[in-house]
Amino acid sequence: MQFPHLFSPNKRVKDAGGRMIFGAKVLGIEDGAVRYRQGETECVERAAMIVTAMGVKSENFQEDVLKDLAIPYRIVGDAKSPRRILEAIHEGHRAGEEL
């Protein structure tokens, strides 16, 4: 299930005058600026505030144990696939009903 962009932090950042830079590696944070590399290009961006997002990765290491012990389970939320919290809440509720 997809939810409207009403909840999108990207839209809120842009609406507030912020800029999002994807695929960059932060090299340093200096007085009022961030220095980063994007591809082969090194850049400096003036900024009053810097927010970094390092990405997420699914982790469901307990699945094998639950399977071996024949314990009923459902994989939900970021363990299934990194997404927004609303999807995780919806999946968790549905999993609770199914179990």
PDB file of N, CA and C in Angstrom:
ATOM      1  N   MET A   1       0.846  -1.171   0.000  1.00  0.00           N
ATOM      2  CA  MET A   1       0.000   0.000   0.000  1.00  0.00           C
ATOM      3  C   MET A   1       0.894   1.238   0.000  1.00  0.00           C
ATOM      4  N   GLN A   2       0.638   2.148  -0.896  1.00  0.00           N
ATOM      5  CA  GLN A   2       1.375   3.402  -0.956  1.00  0.00           C
ATOM      6  C   GLN A   2       0.543   4.505  -0.330  1.00  0.00           C
ATOM      7  N   PHE A   3       1.195   5.415   0.349  1.00  0.00           N
ATOM      8  CA  PHE A   3       0.514   6.517   1.000  1.00  0.00           C
ATOM      9  C   PHE A   3       0.832   7.809   0.275  1.00  0.00           C
ATOM     10  N   PRO A   4      -0.056   8.781   0.321  1.00  0.00           N
ATOM     11  CA  PRO A   4       0.167  10.029  -0.411  1.00  0.00           C
ATOM     12  C   PRO A   4       1.413  10.753   0.071  1.00  0.00           C
ATOM     13  N   HIS A   5       1.935  11.615  -0.785  1.00  0.00           N
ATOM     14  CA  HIS A   5       3.136  12.384  -0.461  1.00  0.00           C
ATOM     15  C   HIS A   5       2.893  13.399   0.638  1.00  0.00           C
ATOM     16  N   LEU A   6       1.705  13.421   1.181  1.00  0.00           N
ATOM     17  CA  LEU A   6       1.375  14.296   2.294  1.00  0.00           C
ATOM     18  C   LEU A   6       2.340  14.068   3.451  1.00  0.00           C
ATOM     19  N   PHE A   7       2.825  12.850   3.598  1.00  0.00           N
ATOM     20  CA  PHE A   7       3.694  12.482   4.712  1.00  0.00           C
ATOM     21  C   PHE A   7       5.170  12.548   4.326  1.00  0.00           C
ATOM     22  N   SER A   8       5.483  12.977   3.131  1.00  0.00           N
ATOM     23  CA  SER A   8       6.848  12.940   2.632  1.00  0.00           C
ATOM     24  C   SER A   8       7.737  13.981   3.297  1.00  0.00           C
ATOM     25  N   PRO A   9       8.803  13.537   3.974  1.00  0.00           N
ATOM     26  CA  PRO A   9       9.740  14.502   4.539  1.00  0.00           C
ATOM     27  C   PRO A   9      10.465  15.267   3.436  1.00  0.00           C
ATOM     28  N   ASN A  10      10.643  14.654   2.264  1.00  0.00           N
ATOM     29  CA  ASN A  10      11.292  15.348   1.153  1.00  0.00           C
ATOM     30  C   ASN A  10      10.527  16.601   0.776  1.00  0.00           C
ATOM     31  N   LYS A  11       9.228  16.500   0.696  1.00  0.00           N
ATOM     32  CA  LYS A  11       8.392  17.642   0.326  1.00  0.00           C
ATOM     33  C   LYS A  11       8.484  18.734   1.393  1.00  0.00           C
ATOM     34  N   ARG A  12       8.472  18.338   2.657  1.00  0.00           N
ATOM     35  CA  ARG A  12       8.558  19.329   3.738  1.00  0.00           C
ATOM     36  C   ARG A  12       9.892  20.060   3.703  1.00  0.00           C
ATOM     37  N   VAL A  13      10.972  19.342   3.429  1.00  0.00           N
ATOM     38  CA  VAL A  13      12.296  19.974   3.341  1.00  0.00           C
ATOM     39  C   VAL A  13      12.306  20.986   2.203  1.00  0.00           C
ATOM     40  N   LYS A  14      11.831  20.575   1.040  1.00  0.00           N
ATOM     41  CA  LYS A  14      11.810  21.472  -0.124  1.00  0.00           C
ATOM     42  C   LYS A  14      10.904  22.668   0.108  1.00  0.00           C
ATOM     43  N   ASP A  15       9.724  22.431   0.688  1.00  0.00           N
ATOM     44  CA  ASP A  15       8.787  23.527   0.955  1.00  0.00           C
ATOM     45  C   ASP A  15       9.370  24.545   1.934  1.00  0.00           C
ATOM     46  N   ALA A  16      10.266  24.107   2.800  1.00  0.00           N
ATOM     47  CA  ALA A  16      10.887  25.003   3.788  1.00  0.00           C
ATOM     48  C   ALA A  16      12.136  25.687   3.227  1.00  0.00           C
ATOM     49  N   GLY A  17      12.423  25.456   1.937  1.00  0.00           N
ATOM     50  CA  GLY A  17      13.577  26.100   1.325  1.00  0.00           C
ATOM     51  C   GLY A  17      14.848  25.284   1.396  1.00  0.00           C
ATOM     52  N   GLY A  18      14.749  24.042   1.856  1.00  0.00           N
ATOM     53  CA  GLY A  18      15.913  23.179   1.959  1.00  0.00           C
ATOM     54  C   GLY A  18      16.261  22.538   0.635  1.00  0.00           C
ATOM     55  N   ARG A  19      17.421  21.966   0.595  1.00  0.00           N
ATOM     56  CA  ARG A  19      17.890  21.287  -0.605  1.00  0.00           C
ATOM     57  C   ARG A  19      18.342  19.888  -0.213  1.00  0.00           C
ATOM     58  N   MET A  20      17.996  18.906  -1.035  1.00  0.00           N
ATOM     59  CA  MET A  20      18.396  17.528  -0.765  1.00  0.00           C
ATOM     60  C   MET A  20      19.440  17.127  -1.795  1.00  0.00           C
ATOM     61  N   ILE A  21      20.496  16.494  -1.307  1.00  0.00           N
ATOM     62  CA  ILE A  21      21.581  16.040  -2.168  1.00  0.00           C
ATOM     63  C   ILE A  21      21.704  14.534  -1.970  1.00  0.00           C
ATOM     64  N   PHE A  22      21.520  13.776  -3.031  1.00  0.00           N
ATOM     65  CA  PHE A  22      21.541  12.321  -2.940  1.00  0.00           C
ATOM     66  C   PHE A  22      22.853  11.768  -3.485  1.00  0.00           C
ATOM     67  N   GLY A  23      23.272  10.633  -2.959  1.00  0.00           N
ATOM     68  CA  GLY A  23      24.440   9.937  -3.453  1.00  0.00           C
ATOM     69  C   GLY A  23      25.750  10.655  -3.172  1.00  0.00           C
ATOM     70  N   ALA A  24      25.785  11.435  -2.109  1.00  0.00           N
ATOM     71  CA  ALA A  24      26.991  12.194  -1.773  1.00  0.00           C
ATOM     72  C   ALA A  24      27.677  11.597  -0.553  1.00  0.00           C
ATOM     73  N   LYS A  25      28.975  11.769  -0.488  1.00  0.00           N
ATOM     74  CA  LYS A  25      29.751  11.346   0.675  1.00  0.00           C
ATOM     75  C   LYS A  25      30.236  12.608   1.385  1.00  0.00           C
ATOM     76  N   VAL A  26      29.854  12.767   2.647  1.00  0.00           N
ATOM     77  CA  VAL A  26      30.261  13.937   3.423  1.00  0.00           C
ATOM     78  C   VAL A  26      31.745  13.809   3.751  1.00  0.00           C
ATOM     79  N   LEU A  27      32.497  14.850   3.401  1.00  0.00           N
ATOM     80  CA  LEU A  27      33.931  14.884   3.675  1.00  0.00           C
ATOM     81  C   LEU A  27      34.239  15.694   4.929  1.00  0.00           C
ATOM     82  N   GLY A  28      33.380  16.655   5.229  1.00  0.00           N
ATOM     83  CA  GLY A  28      33.599  17.458   6.421  1.00  0.00           C
ATOM     84  C   GLY A  28      32.518  18.501   6.589  1.00  0.00           C
ATOM     85  N   ILE A  29      32.307  18.883   7.824  1.00  0.00           N
ATOM     86  CA  ILE A  29      31.368  19.956   8.141  1.00  0.00           C
ATOM     87  C   ILE A  29      32.197  21.092   8.703  1.00  0.00           C
ATOM     88  N   GLU A  30      32.116  22.236   8.043  1.00  0.00           N
ATOM     89  CA  GLU A  30      32.915  23.394   8.395  1.00  0.00           C
ATOM     90  C   GLU A  30      31.998  24.500   8.887  1.00  0.00           C
ATOM     91  N   ASP A  31      32.548  25.616   9.245  1.00  0.00           N
ATOM     92  CA  ASP A  31      31.768  26.747   9.745  1.00  0.00           C
ATOM     93  C   ASP A  31      30.752  27.206   8.696  1.00  0.00           C
ATOM     94  N   GLY A  32      29.487  26.846   8.902  1.00  0.00           N
ATOM     95  CA  GLY A  32      28.406  27.276   8.008  1.00  0.00           C
ATOM     96  C   GLY A  32      28.369  26.581   6.666  1.00  0.00           C
ATOM     97  N   ALA A  33      29.034  25.438   6.520  1.00  0.00           N
ATOM     98  CA  ALA A  33      29.039  24.754   5.231  1.00  0.00           C
ATOM     99  C   ALA A  33      29.333  23.265   5.414  1.00  0.00           C
ATOM    100  N   VAL A  34      29.010  22.512   4.383  1.00  0.00           N
ATOM    101  CA  VAL A  34      29.353  21.095   4.344  1.00  0.00           C
ATOM    102  C   VAL A  34      30.185  20.852   3.083  1.00  0.00           C
ATOM    103  N   ARG A  35      31.234  20.077   3.228  1.00  0.00           N
ATOM    104  CA  ARG A  35      32.081  19.704   2.099  1.00  0.00           C
ATOM    105  C   ARG A  35      31.766  18.254   1.790  1.00  0.00           C
ATOM    106  N   TYR A  36      31.488  17.955   0.509  1.00  0.00           N
ATOM    107  CA  TYR A  36      31.102  16.597   0.138  1.00  0.00           C
ATOM    108  C   TYR A  36      31.606  16.257  -1.258  1.00  0.00           C
ATOM    109  N   ARG A  37      31.585  14.959  -1.536  1.00  0.00           N
ATOM    110  CA  ARG A  37      31.934  14.478  -2.868  1.00  0.00           C
ATOM    111  C   ARG A  37      30.714  13.789  -3.441  1.00  0.00           C
ATOM    112  N   GLN A  38      30.425  14.163  -4.672  1.00  0.00           N
ATOM    113  CA  GLN A  38      29.324  13.523  -5.397  1.00  0.00           C
ATOM    114  C   GLN A  38      29.915  13.045  -6.716  1.00  0.00           C
ATOM    115  N   GLY A  39      30.053  11.736  -6.832  1.00  0.00           N
ATOM    116  CA  GLY A  39      30.760  11.183  -7.988  1.00  0.00           C
ATOM    117  C   GLY A  39      32.230  11.554  -7.880  1.00  0.00           C
ATOM    118  N   GLU A  40      32.759  12.170  -8.905  1.00  0.00           N
ATOM    119  CA  GLU A  40      34.163  12.591  -8.912  1.00  0.00           C
ATOM    120  C   GLU A  40      34.323  14.058  -8.517  1.00  0.00           C
ATOM    121  N   THR A  41      33.214  14.741  -8.256  1.00  0.00           N
ATOM    122  CA  THR A  41      33.243  16.175  -7.985  1.00  0.00           C
ATOM    123  C   THR A  41      33.191  16.457  -6.493  1.00  0.00           C
ATOM    124  N   GLU A  42      34.116  17.298  -6.019  1.00  0.00           N
ATOM    125  CA  GLU A  42      34.088  17.743  -4.627  1.00  0.00           C
ATOM    126  C   GLU A  42      33.399  19.099  -4.581  1.00  0.00           C
ATOM    127  N   CYS A  43      32.460  19.266  -3.634  1.00  0.00           N
ATOM    128  CA  CYS A  43      31.646  20.477  -3.555  1.00  0.00           C
ATOM    129  C   CYS A  43      31.632  21.021  -2.134  1.00  0.00           C
ATOM    130  N   VAL A  44      31.312  22.298  -2.015  1.00  0.00           N
ATOM    131  CA  VAL A  44      31.069  22.921  -0.717  1.00  0.00           C
ATOM    132  C   VAL A  44      29.714  23.612  -0.821  1.00  0.00           C
ATOM    133  N   GLU A  45      28.850  23.321   0.123  1.00  0.00           N
ATOM    134  CA  GLU A  45      27.490  23.882   0.138  1.00  0.00           C
ATOM    135  C   GLU A  45      27.305  24.652   1.442  1.00  0.00           C
ATOM    136  N   ARG A  46      26.964  25.925   1.346  1.00  0.00           N
ATOM    137  CA  ARG A  46      26.674  26.717   2.538  1.00  0.00           C
ATOM    138  C   ARG A  46      25.375  26.208   3.146  1.00  0.00           C
ATOM    139  N   ALA A  47      25.348  26.110   4.471  1.00  0.00           N
ATOM    140  CA  ALA A  47      24.159  25.572   5.131  1.00  0.00           C
ATOM    141  C   ALA A  47      24.096  26.023   6.582  1.00  0.00           C
ATOM    142  N   ALA A  48      22.897  26.323   7.026  1.00  0.00           N
ATOM    143  CA  ALA A  48      22.670  26.644   8.434  1.00  0.00           C
ATOM    144  C   ALA A  48      22.422  25.366   9.223  1.00  0.00           C
ATOM    145  N   MET A  49      21.919  24.331   8.539  1.00  0.00           N
ATOM    146  CA  MET A  49      21.629  23.051   9.174  1.00  0.00           C
ATOM    147  C   MET A  49      21.917  21.943   8.178  1.00  0.00           C
ATOM    148  N   ILE A  50      22.477  20.847   8.669  1.00  0.00           N
ATOM    149  CA  ILE A  50      22.796  19.709   7.820  1.00  0.00           C
ATOM    150  C   ILE A  50      22.183  18.467   8.445  1.00  0.00           C
ATOM    151  N   VAL A  51      21.432  17.715   7.653  1.00  0.00           N
ATOM    152  CA  VAL A  51      20.839  16.466   8.109  1.00  0.00           C
ATOM    153  C   VAL A  51      21.369  15.373   7.201  1.00  0.00           C
ATOM    154  N   THR A  52      21.908  14.320   7.785  1.00  0.00           N
ATOM    155  CA  THR A  52      22.396  13.213   6.972  1.00  0.00           C
ATOM    156  C   THR A  52      21.480  12.010   7.145  1.00  0.00           C
ATOM    157  N   ALA A  53      21.302  11.277   6.069  1.00  0.00           N
ATOM    158  CA  ALA A  53      20.552  10.024   6.098  1.00  0.00           C
ATOM    159  C   ALA A  53      21.445   8.981   5.449  1.00  0.00           C
ATOM    160  N   MET A  54      21.806   7.994   6.199  1.00  0.00           N
ATOM    161  CA  MET A  54      22.776   7.016   5.730  1.00  0.00           C
ATOM    162  C   MET A  54      22.144   5.804   5.060  1.00  0.00           C
ATOM    163  N   GLY A  55      20.831   5.764   5.006  1.00  0.00           N
ATOM    164  CA  GLY A  55      20.176   4.623   4.390  1.00  0.00           C
ATOM    165  C   GLY A  55      19.879   3.536   5.410  1.00  0.00           C
ATOM    166  N   VAL A  56      19.091   2.583   4.998  1.00  0.00           N
ATOM    167  CA  VAL A  56      18.707   1.494   5.891  1.00  0.00           C
ATOM    168  C   VAL A  56      18.818   0.169   5.155  1.00  0.00           C
ATOM    169  N   LYS A  57      18.891  -0.880   5.928  1.00  0.00           N
ATOM    170  CA  LYS A  57      19.023  -2.221   5.371  1.00  0.00           C
ATOM    171  C   LYS A  57      18.121  -3.150   6.176  1.00  0.00           C
ATOM    172  N   SER A  58      17.433  -4.033   5.485  1.00  0.00           N
ATOM    173  CA  SER A  58      16.568  -5.004   6.166  1.00  0.00           C
ATOM    174  C   SER A  58      17.415  -5.969   6.992  1.00  0.00           C
ATOM    175  N   GLU A  59      16.877  -6.321   8.153  1.00  0.00           N
ATOM    176  CA  GLU A  59      17.566  -7.279   9.021  1.00  0.00           C
ATOM    177  C   GLU A  59      16.514  -8.171   9.667  1.00  0.00           C
ATOM    178  N   ASN A  60      16.523  -9.440   9.348  1.00  0.00           N
ATOM    179  CA  ASN A  60      15.561 -10.376   9.940  1.00  0.00           C
ATOM    180  C   ASN A  60      16.273 -11.662  10.367  1.00  0.00           C
ATOM    181  N   PHE A  61      17.347 -11.482  11.150  1.00  0.00           N
ATOM    182  CA  PHE A  61      18.187 -12.593  11.589  1.00  0.00           C
ATOM    183  C   PHE A  61      17.435 -13.616  12.430  1.00  0.00           C
ATOM    184  N   GLN A  62      16.321 -13.261  13.037  1.00  0.00           N
ATOM    185  CA  GLN A  62      15.588 -14.191  13.895  1.00  0.00           C
ATOM    186  C   GLN A  62      14.705 -15.152  13.107  1.00  0.00           C
ATOM    187  N   GLU A  63      14.544 -14.924  11.822  1.00  0.00           N
ATOM    188  CA  GLU A  63      13.657 -15.766  11.027  1.00  0.00           C
ATOM    189  C   GLU A  63      14.062 -17.237  11.072  1.00  0.00           C
ATOM    190  N   ASP A  64      15.337 -17.530  10.941  1.00  0.00           N
ATOM    191  CA  ASP A  64      15.795 -18.933  10.959  1.00  0.00           C
ATOM    192  C   ASP A  64      15.478 -19.606  12.285  1.00  0.00           C
ATOM    193  N   VAL A  65      15.668 -18.896  13.385  1.00  0.00           N
ATOM    194  CA  VAL A  65      15.381 -19.454  14.710  1.00  0.00           C
ATOM    195  C   VAL A  65      13.896 -19.744  14.847  1.00  0.00           C
ATOM    196  N   LEU A  66      13.065 -18.796  14.453  1.00  0.00           N
ATOM    197  CA  LEU A  66      11.609 -18.982  14.540  1.00  0.00           C
ATOM    198  C   LEU A  66      11.155 -20.147  13.666  1.00  0.00           C
ATOM    199  N   LYS A  67      11.736 -20.239  12.496  1.00  0.00           N
ATOM    200  CA  LYS A  67      11.403 -21.326  11.579  1.00  0.00           C
ATOM    201  C   LYS A  67      11.800 -22.673  12.181  1.00  0.00           C
ATOM    202  N   ASP A  68      13.031 -22.764  12.723  1.00  0.00           N
ATOM    203  CA  ASP A  68      13.518 -24.017  13.324  1.00  0.00           C
ATOM    204  C   ASP A  68      12.665 -24.455  14.517  1.00  0.00           C
ATOM    205  N   LEU A  69      12.153 -23.491  15.278  1.00  0.00           N
ATOM    206  CA  LEU A  69      11.334 -23.803  16.450  1.00  0.00           C
ATOM    207  C   LEU A  69       9.846 -23.931  16.124  1.00  0.00           C
ATOM    208  N   ALA A  70       9.518 -23.797  14.858  1.00  0.00           N
ATOM    209  CA  ALA A  70       8.128 -23.884  14.386  1.00  0.00           C
ATOM    210  C   ALA A  70       7.221 -22.874  15.093  1.00  0.00           C
ATOM    211  N   ILE A  71       7.744 -21.678  15.333  1.00  0.00           N
ATOM    212  CA  ILE A  71       6.968 -20.596  15.950  1.00  0.00           C
ATOM    213  C   ILE A  71       6.368 -19.752  14.830  1.00  0.00           C
ATOM    214  N   PRO A  72       5.051 -19.564  14.842  1.00  0.00           N
ATOM    215  CA  PRO A  72       4.429 -18.741  13.801  1.00  0.00           C
ATOM    216  C   PRO A  72       4.967 -17.304  13.846  1.00  0.00           C
ATOM    217  N   TYR A  73       5.229 -16.743  12.699  1.00  0.00           N
ATOM    218  CA  TYR A  73       5.751 -15.387  12.635  1.00  0.00           C
ATOM    219  C   TYR A  73       5.376 -14.735  11.303  1.00  0.00           C
ATOM    220  N   ARG A  74       5.500 -13.444  11.248  1.00  0.00           N
ATOM    221  CA  ARG A  74       5.357 -12.652  10.021  1.00  0.00           C
ATOM    222  C   ARG A  74       6.492 -11.637  10.024  1.00  0.00           C
ATOM    223  N   ILE A  75       7.072 -11.408   8.891  1.00  0.00           N
ATOM    224  CA  ILE A  75       8.099 -10.373   8.766  1.00  0.00           C
ATOM    225  C   ILE A  75       7.411  -9.098   8.302  1.00  0.00           C
ATOM    226  N   VAL A  76       7.602  -8.036   9.070  1.00  0.00           N
ATOM    227  CA  VAL A  76       6.940  -6.769   8.766  1.00  0.00           C
ATOM    228  C   VAL A  76       7.919  -5.601   8.923  1.00  0.00           C
ATOM    229  N   GLY A  77       7.479  -4.451   8.500  1.00  0.00           N
ATOM    230  CA  GLY A  77       8.250  -3.225   8.689  1.00  0.00           C
ATOM    231  C   GLY A  77       9.581  -3.263   7.958  1.00  0.00           C
ATOM    232  N   ASP A  78      10.590  -2.636   8.559  1.00  0.00           N
ATOM    233  CA  ASP A  78      11.899  -2.551   7.926  1.00  0.00           C
ATOM    234  C   ASP A  78      12.589  -3.905   7.807  1.00  0.00           C
ATOM    235  N   ALA A  79      12.184  -4.887   8.622  1.00  0.00           N
ATOM    236  CA  ALA A  79      12.751  -6.230   8.483  1.00  0.00           C
ATOM    237  C   ALA A  79      12.362  -6.829   7.137  1.00  0.00           C
ATOM    238  N   LYS A  80      11.201  -6.434   6.642  1.00  0.00           N
ATOM    239  CA  LYS A  80      10.732  -6.903   5.342  1.00  0.00           C
ATOM    240  C   LYS A  80      11.379  -6.088   4.226  1.00  0.00           C
ATOM    241  N   SER A  81      11.308  -4.777   4.362  1.00  0.00           N
ATOM    242  CA  SER A  81      11.883  -3.864   3.375  1.00  0.00           C
ATOM    243  C   SER A  81      11.836  -2.452   3.956  1.00  0.00           C
ATOM    244  N   PRO A  82      12.943  -1.724   3.951  1.00  0.00           N
ATOM    245  CA  PRO A  82      12.936  -0.371   4.517  1.00  0.00           C
ATOM    246  C   PRO A  82      11.957   0.544   3.776  1.00  0.00           C
ATOM    247  N   ARG A  83      11.036   1.109   4.537  1.00  0.00           N
ATOM    248  CA  ARG A  83      10.031   2.004   3.979  1.00  0.00           C
ATOM    249  C   ARG A  83       9.624   3.009   5.034  1.00  0.00           C
ATOM    250  N   ARG A  84       8.438   3.549   4.903  1.00  0.00           N
ATOM    251  CA  ARG A  84       7.926   4.528   5.862  1.00  0.00           C
ATOM    252  C   ARG A  84       7.231   3.830   7.027  1.00  0.00           C
ATOM    253  N   ILE A  85       7.091   4.559   8.118  1.00  0.00           N
ATOM    254  CA  ILE A  85       6.486   3.996   9.328  1.00  0.00           C
ATOM    255  C   ILE A  85       5.030   3.590   9.109  1.00  0.00           C
ATOM    256  N   LEU A  86       4.319   4.283   8.247  1.00  0.00           N
ATOM    257  CA  LEU A  86       2.907   3.938   8.030  1.00  0.00           C
ATOM    258  C   LEU A  86       2.747   2.539   7.450  1.00  0.00           C
ATOM    259  N   GLU A  87       3.654   2.145   6.555  1.00  0.00           N
ATOM    260  CA  GLU A  87       3.599   0.775   6.026  1.00  0.00           C
ATOM    261  C   GLU A  87       3.874  -0.233   7.134  1.00  0.00           C
ATOM    262  N   ALA A  88       4.840   0.073   7.997  1.00  0.00           N
ATOM    263  CA  ALA A  88       5.181  -0.837   9.097  1.00  0.00           C
ATOM    264  C   ALA A  88       4.009  -0.995  10.058  1.00  0.00           C
ATOM    265  N   ILE A  89       3.339   0.091  10.378  1.00  0.00           N
ATOM    266  CA  ILE A  89       2.177   0.027  11.277  1.00  0.00           C
ATOM    267  C   ILE A  89       1.077  -0.828  10.655  1.00  0.00           C
ATOM    268  N   HIS A  90       0.799  -0.591   9.380  1.00  0.00           N
ATOM    269  CA  HIS A  90      -0.241  -1.348   8.680  1.00  0.00           C
ATOM    270  C   HIS A  90       0.110  -2.836   8.649  1.00  0.00           C
ATOM    271  N   GLU A  91       1.363  -3.164   8.296  1.00  0.00           N
ATOM    272  CA  GLU A  91       1.781  -4.564   8.250  1.00  0.00           C
ATOM    273  C   GLU A  91       1.764  -5.222   9.612  1.00  0.00           C
ATOM    274  N   GLY A  92       2.198  -4.496  10.647  1.00  0.00           N
ATOM    275  CA  GLY A  92       2.180  -5.036  11.996  1.00  0.00           C
ATOM    276  C   GLY A  92       0.771  -5.349  12.477  1.00  0.00           C
ATOM    277  N   HIS A  93      -0.157  -4.446  12.174  1.00  0.00           N
ATOM    278  CA  HIS A  93      -1.558  -4.659  12.564  1.00  0.00           C
ATOM    279  C   HIS A  93      -2.111  -5.898  11.841  1.00  0.00           C
ATOM    280  N   ARG A  94      -1.863  -5.971  10.538  1.00  0.00           N
ATOM    281  CA  ARG A  94      -2.366  -7.109   9.760  1.00  0.00           C
ATOM    282  C   ARG A  94      -1.733  -8.415  10.255  1.00  0.00           C
ATOM    283  N   ALA A  95      -0.435  -8.398  10.564  1.00  0.00           N
ATOM    284  CA  ALA A  95       0.232  -9.609  11.061  1.00  0.00           C
ATOM    285  C   ALA A  95      -0.349 -10.051  12.388  1.00  0.00           C
ATOM    286  N   GLY A  96      -0.639  -9.098  13.265  1.00  0.00           N
ATOM    287  CA  GLY A  96      -1.257  -9.428  14.557  1.00  0.00           C
ATOM    288  C   GLY A  96      -2.605 -10.092  14.389  1.00  0.00           C
ATOM    289  N   GLU A  97      -3.375  -9.613  13.437  1.00  0.00           N
ATOM    290  CA  GLU A  97      -4.687 -10.214  13.164  1.00  0.00           C
ATOM    291  C   GLU A  97      -4.540 -11.629  12.604  1.00  0.00           C
ATOM    292  N   GLU A  98      -3.523 -11.831  11.740  1.00  0.00           N
ATOM    293  CA  GLU A  98      -3.335 -13.145  11.103  1.00  0.00           C
ATOM    294  C   GLU A  98      -2.851 -14.200  12.100  1.00  0.00           C
ATOM    295  N   LEU A  99      -2.035 -13.779  13.042  1.00  0.00           N
ATOM    296  CA  LEU A  99      -1.495 -14.744  14.010  1.00  0.00           C
ATOM    297  C   LEU A  99      -2.513 -15.036  15.088  1.00  0.00           C
TER     298      LEU A  99
END
